[in-house]
Amino acid sequence: MTLSRPLSAYLAFCRWLDRAALALCISAGLFLTGAVLAIVVLRYGFGMGFIQLQDAAGYAFAVLVAFSLPVTLARNGHVRVEAISERLPTAYLRAADAVALVLFLIPVFGLMIRAYWPELAYSWSIREGSVETGGMPGLYLVKTALPVAAAMMILQGIAQLLTPRVSE
């Protein structure tokens, strides 16, 4: 089956976004692991704290959680009741995915972007930093991860719907 040029470009763009999000998740996960280990060693081994490292670990966790959603969706790893869906025909599952995309995924994540936008704009306008004294700046950058990940969820959902299946 030959895909049209715009569809091929869209699917390639979504694959690129997925690889970028996966790399970000892996980096955030590795950093988070090292940061938490360092925080524990510093606190219990040497009796000292490091607020900026704790903030960095929190920022990494937020980015990991936000971007793991579109990464999981792109790999068809979202939650389903497999005991039921494994017995259903592929055409039915494809139609159910389309209905879920239109009725749930796009409206919910679109609403998330719309509702969060004023707070994000304010955060950017004041260049919001950590709430902790002596914490890291750049919280506004971390807060940007939520609407970006929500937009990626919408894009990945549409890409899954438009991707031709081998068995079809």
Protein backbone atom coordinates (compact mmCIF):
# COMPACT_ATOMS: atom_id res chain seq x y z
CA MET A 1 0.00 0.00 0.00
CA THR A 2 1.46 3.35 -1.10
CA LEU A 3 0.95 6.27 1.25
CA SER A 4 0.40 9.81 0.06
CA ARG A 5 3.29 12.22 0.48
CA PRO A 6 1.63 14.35 3.23
CA LEU A 7 0.64 11.24 5.19
CA SER A 8 4.14 9.79 4.90
CA ALA A 9 5.60 13.10 6.06
CA TYR A 10 3.20 13.25 9.01
CA LEU A 11 3.98 9.69 10.09
CA ALA A 12 7.73 10.34 9.72
CA PHE A 13 7.36 13.48 11.85
CA CYS A 14 5.51 11.48 14.52
CA ARG A 15 8.23 8.82 14.49
CA TRP A 16 10.85 11.55 14.94
CA LEU A 17 8.85 13.04 17.84
CA ASP A 18 8.62 9.59 19.39
CA ARG A 19 12.38 9.05 19.16
CA ALA A 20 13.03 12.50 20.67
CA ALA A 21 10.57 11.85 23.51
CA LEU A 22 12.09 8.41 24.14
CA ALA A 23 15.59 9.91 24.31
CA LEU A 24 14.29 12.56 26.71
CA CYS A 25 12.64 9.90 28.90
CA ILE A 26 15.77 7.77 28.99
CA SER A 27 17.92 10.78 29.85
CA ALA A 28 15.51 11.97 32.53
CA GLY A 29 15.26 8.46 34.01
CA LEU A 30 19.02 8.01 34.16
CA PHE A 31 19.53 11.48 35.62
CA LEU A 32 16.76 10.90 38.16
CA THR A 33 18.35 7.63 39.28
CA GLY A 34 21.76 9.23 39.72
CA ALA A 35 20.37 12.32 41.42
CA VAL A 36 18.31 10.37 43.95
CA LEU A 37 21.30 8.16 44.70
CA ALA A 38 23.47 11.25 45.22
CA ILE A 39 20.82 12.90 47.41
CA VAL A 40 20.59 9.81 49.63
CA VAL A 41 24.36 9.44 49.92
CA LEU A 42 24.81 13.13 50.71
CA ARG A 43 22.01 13.19 53.27
CA TYR A 44 22.65 9.93 55.11
CA GLY A 45 26.35 9.48 54.45
CA PHE A 46 27.54 13.02 54.97
CA GLY A 47 24.60 14.70 56.74
CA MET A 48 24.22 17.43 54.14
CA GLY A 49 21.55 18.45 51.68
CA PHE A 50 21.70 19.98 48.22
CA ILE A 51 18.48 21.83 47.33
CA GLN A 52 19.40 22.36 43.69
CA LEU A 53 19.99 18.66 43.18
CA GLN A 54 16.63 17.89 44.80
CA ASP A 55 14.96 20.39 42.47
CA ALA A 56 16.75 18.87 39.49
CA ALA A 57 15.50 15.42 40.50
CA GLY A 58 11.95 16.77 40.77
CA TYR A 59 12.24 18.43 37.36
CA ALA A 60 13.56 15.19 35.82
CA PHE A 61 10.70 13.22 37.35
CA ALA A 62 8.12 15.67 35.97
CA VAL A 63 9.61 15.46 32.47
CA LEU A 64 9.81 11.66 32.68
CA VAL A 65 6.17 11.31 33.68
CA ALA A 66 4.88 13.80 31.11
CA PHE A 67 6.76 12.39 28.12
CA SER A 68 6.34 8.73 29.01
CA LEU A 69 2.65 9.02 28.05
CA PRO A 70 3.17 9.73 24.31
CA VAL A 71 6.08 7.26 24.21
CA THR A 72 3.82 4.54 25.62
CA LEU A 73 0.98 5.41 23.23
CA ALA A 74 3.31 5.29 20.21
CA ARG A 75 4.28 1.73 21.18
CA ASN A 76 0.66 0.66 21.64
CA GLY A 77 1.39 0.14 25.32
CA HIS A 78 -1.71 1.84 26.65
CA VAL A 79 -3.97 -0.04 29.03
CA ARG A 80 -6.55 -2.38 27.59
CA VAL A 81 -8.50 -5.28 28.96
CA GLU A 82 -6.55 -7.91 27.05
CA ALA A 83 -8.79 -10.76 28.16
CA ILE A 84 -11.54 -9.23 26.06
CA SER A 85 -9.67 -7.46 23.27
CA GLU A 86 -7.60 -10.48 22.25
CA ARG A 87 -10.82 -12.27 21.25
CA LEU A 88 -12.20 -9.40 19.19
CA PRO A 89 -11.61 -8.95 15.45
CA THR A 90 -8.95 -6.47 14.33
CA ALA A 91 -11.51 -4.34 12.49
CA TYR A 92 -13.52 -3.90 15.68
CA LEU A 93 -10.44 -2.91 17.68
CA ARG A 94 -9.46 -0.41 14.98
CA ALA A 95 -12.96 1.13 15.07
CA ALA A 96 -12.89 1.22 18.89
CA ASP A 97 -9.52 2.98 18.78
CA ALA A 98 -10.91 5.55 16.35
CA VAL A 99 -13.93 6.22 18.58
CA ALA A 100 -11.70 6.49 21.66
CA LEU A 101 -9.40 8.90 19.83
CA VAL A 102 -12.24 11.19 18.75
CA LEU A 103 -14.34 11.02 21.92
CA PHE A 104 -11.67 10.83 24.60
CA LEU A 105 -8.03 11.34 23.67
CA ILE A 106 -8.31 14.50 21.56
CA PRO A 107 -10.88 16.28 23.79
CA VAL A 108 -9.16 15.41 27.09
CA PHE A 109 -5.66 16.37 26.02
CA GLY A 110 -6.95 19.38 24.07
CA LEU A 111 -8.75 20.56 27.20
CA MET A 112 -5.58 19.99 29.20
CA ILE A 113 -3.67 22.30 26.87
CA ARG A 114 -6.44 24.92 26.87
CA ALA A 115 -6.95 24.91 30.65
CA TYR A 116 -3.23 24.98 31.47
CA TRP A 117 -2.28 27.70 29.00
CA PRO A 118 -2.93 30.78 31.23
CA GLU A 119 -0.83 29.35 34.07
CA LEU A 120 1.95 28.46 31.65
CA ALA A 121 1.88 31.94 30.11
CA TYR A 122 2.13 33.50 33.57
CA SER A 123 4.96 31.15 34.52
CA TRP A 124 6.88 32.19 31.40
CA SER A 125 6.15 35.89 31.96
CA ILE A 126 7.78 35.84 35.41
CA ARG A 127 10.41 33.25 34.47
CA GLU A 128 9.24 31.14 37.40
CA GLY A 129 11.86 29.32 39.41
CA SER A 130 11.87 26.91 42.28
CA VAL A 131 9.65 27.49 45.30
CA GLU A 132 12.60 26.53 47.53
CA THR A 133 15.03 29.20 48.68
CA GLY A 134 18.25 28.61 46.79
CA GLY A 135 16.54 26.22 44.38
CA MET A 136 17.00 25.94 40.65
CA PRO A 137 15.62 28.44 38.18
CA GLY A 138 13.74 27.32 35.08
CA LEU A 139 10.58 25.81 36.51
CA TYR A 140 8.71 27.48 33.63
CA LEU A 141 10.62 25.24 31.21
CA VAL A 142 9.57 22.13 33.11
CA LYS A 143 5.96 23.33 33.20
CA THR A 144 6.10 23.53 29.40
CA ALA A 145 6.48 19.74 29.28
CA LEU A 146 2.81 19.18 30.15
CA PRO A 147 1.19 20.91 27.14
CA VAL A 148 3.92 19.68 24.81
CA ALA A 149 3.35 16.10 25.96
CA ALA A 150 -0.43 16.58 25.63
CA ALA A 151 0.01 17.80 22.03
CA MET A 152 2.26 14.82 21.35
CA MET A 153 -0.43 12.50 22.70
CA ILE A 154 -2.90 13.93 20.18
CA LEU A 155 -0.39 13.67 17.33
CA GLN A 156 0.58 10.09 18.26
CA GLY A 157 -3.08 9.05 18.56
CA ILE A 158 -3.84 10.39 15.09
CA ALA A 159 -0.68 8.73 13.73
CA GLN A 160 -1.74 5.38 15.17
CA LEU A 161 -5.11 5.73 13.53
CA LEU A 162 -3.60 6.65 10.15
CA THR A 163 -0.84 4.03 10.18
CA PRO A 164 -1.77 1.17 7.86
CA ARG A 165 -1.78 -2.26 9.47
CA VAL A 166 0.13 -5.15 7.93
CA SER A 167 -2.80 -7.54 8.20
CA GLU A 168 -5.17 -5.18 6.35
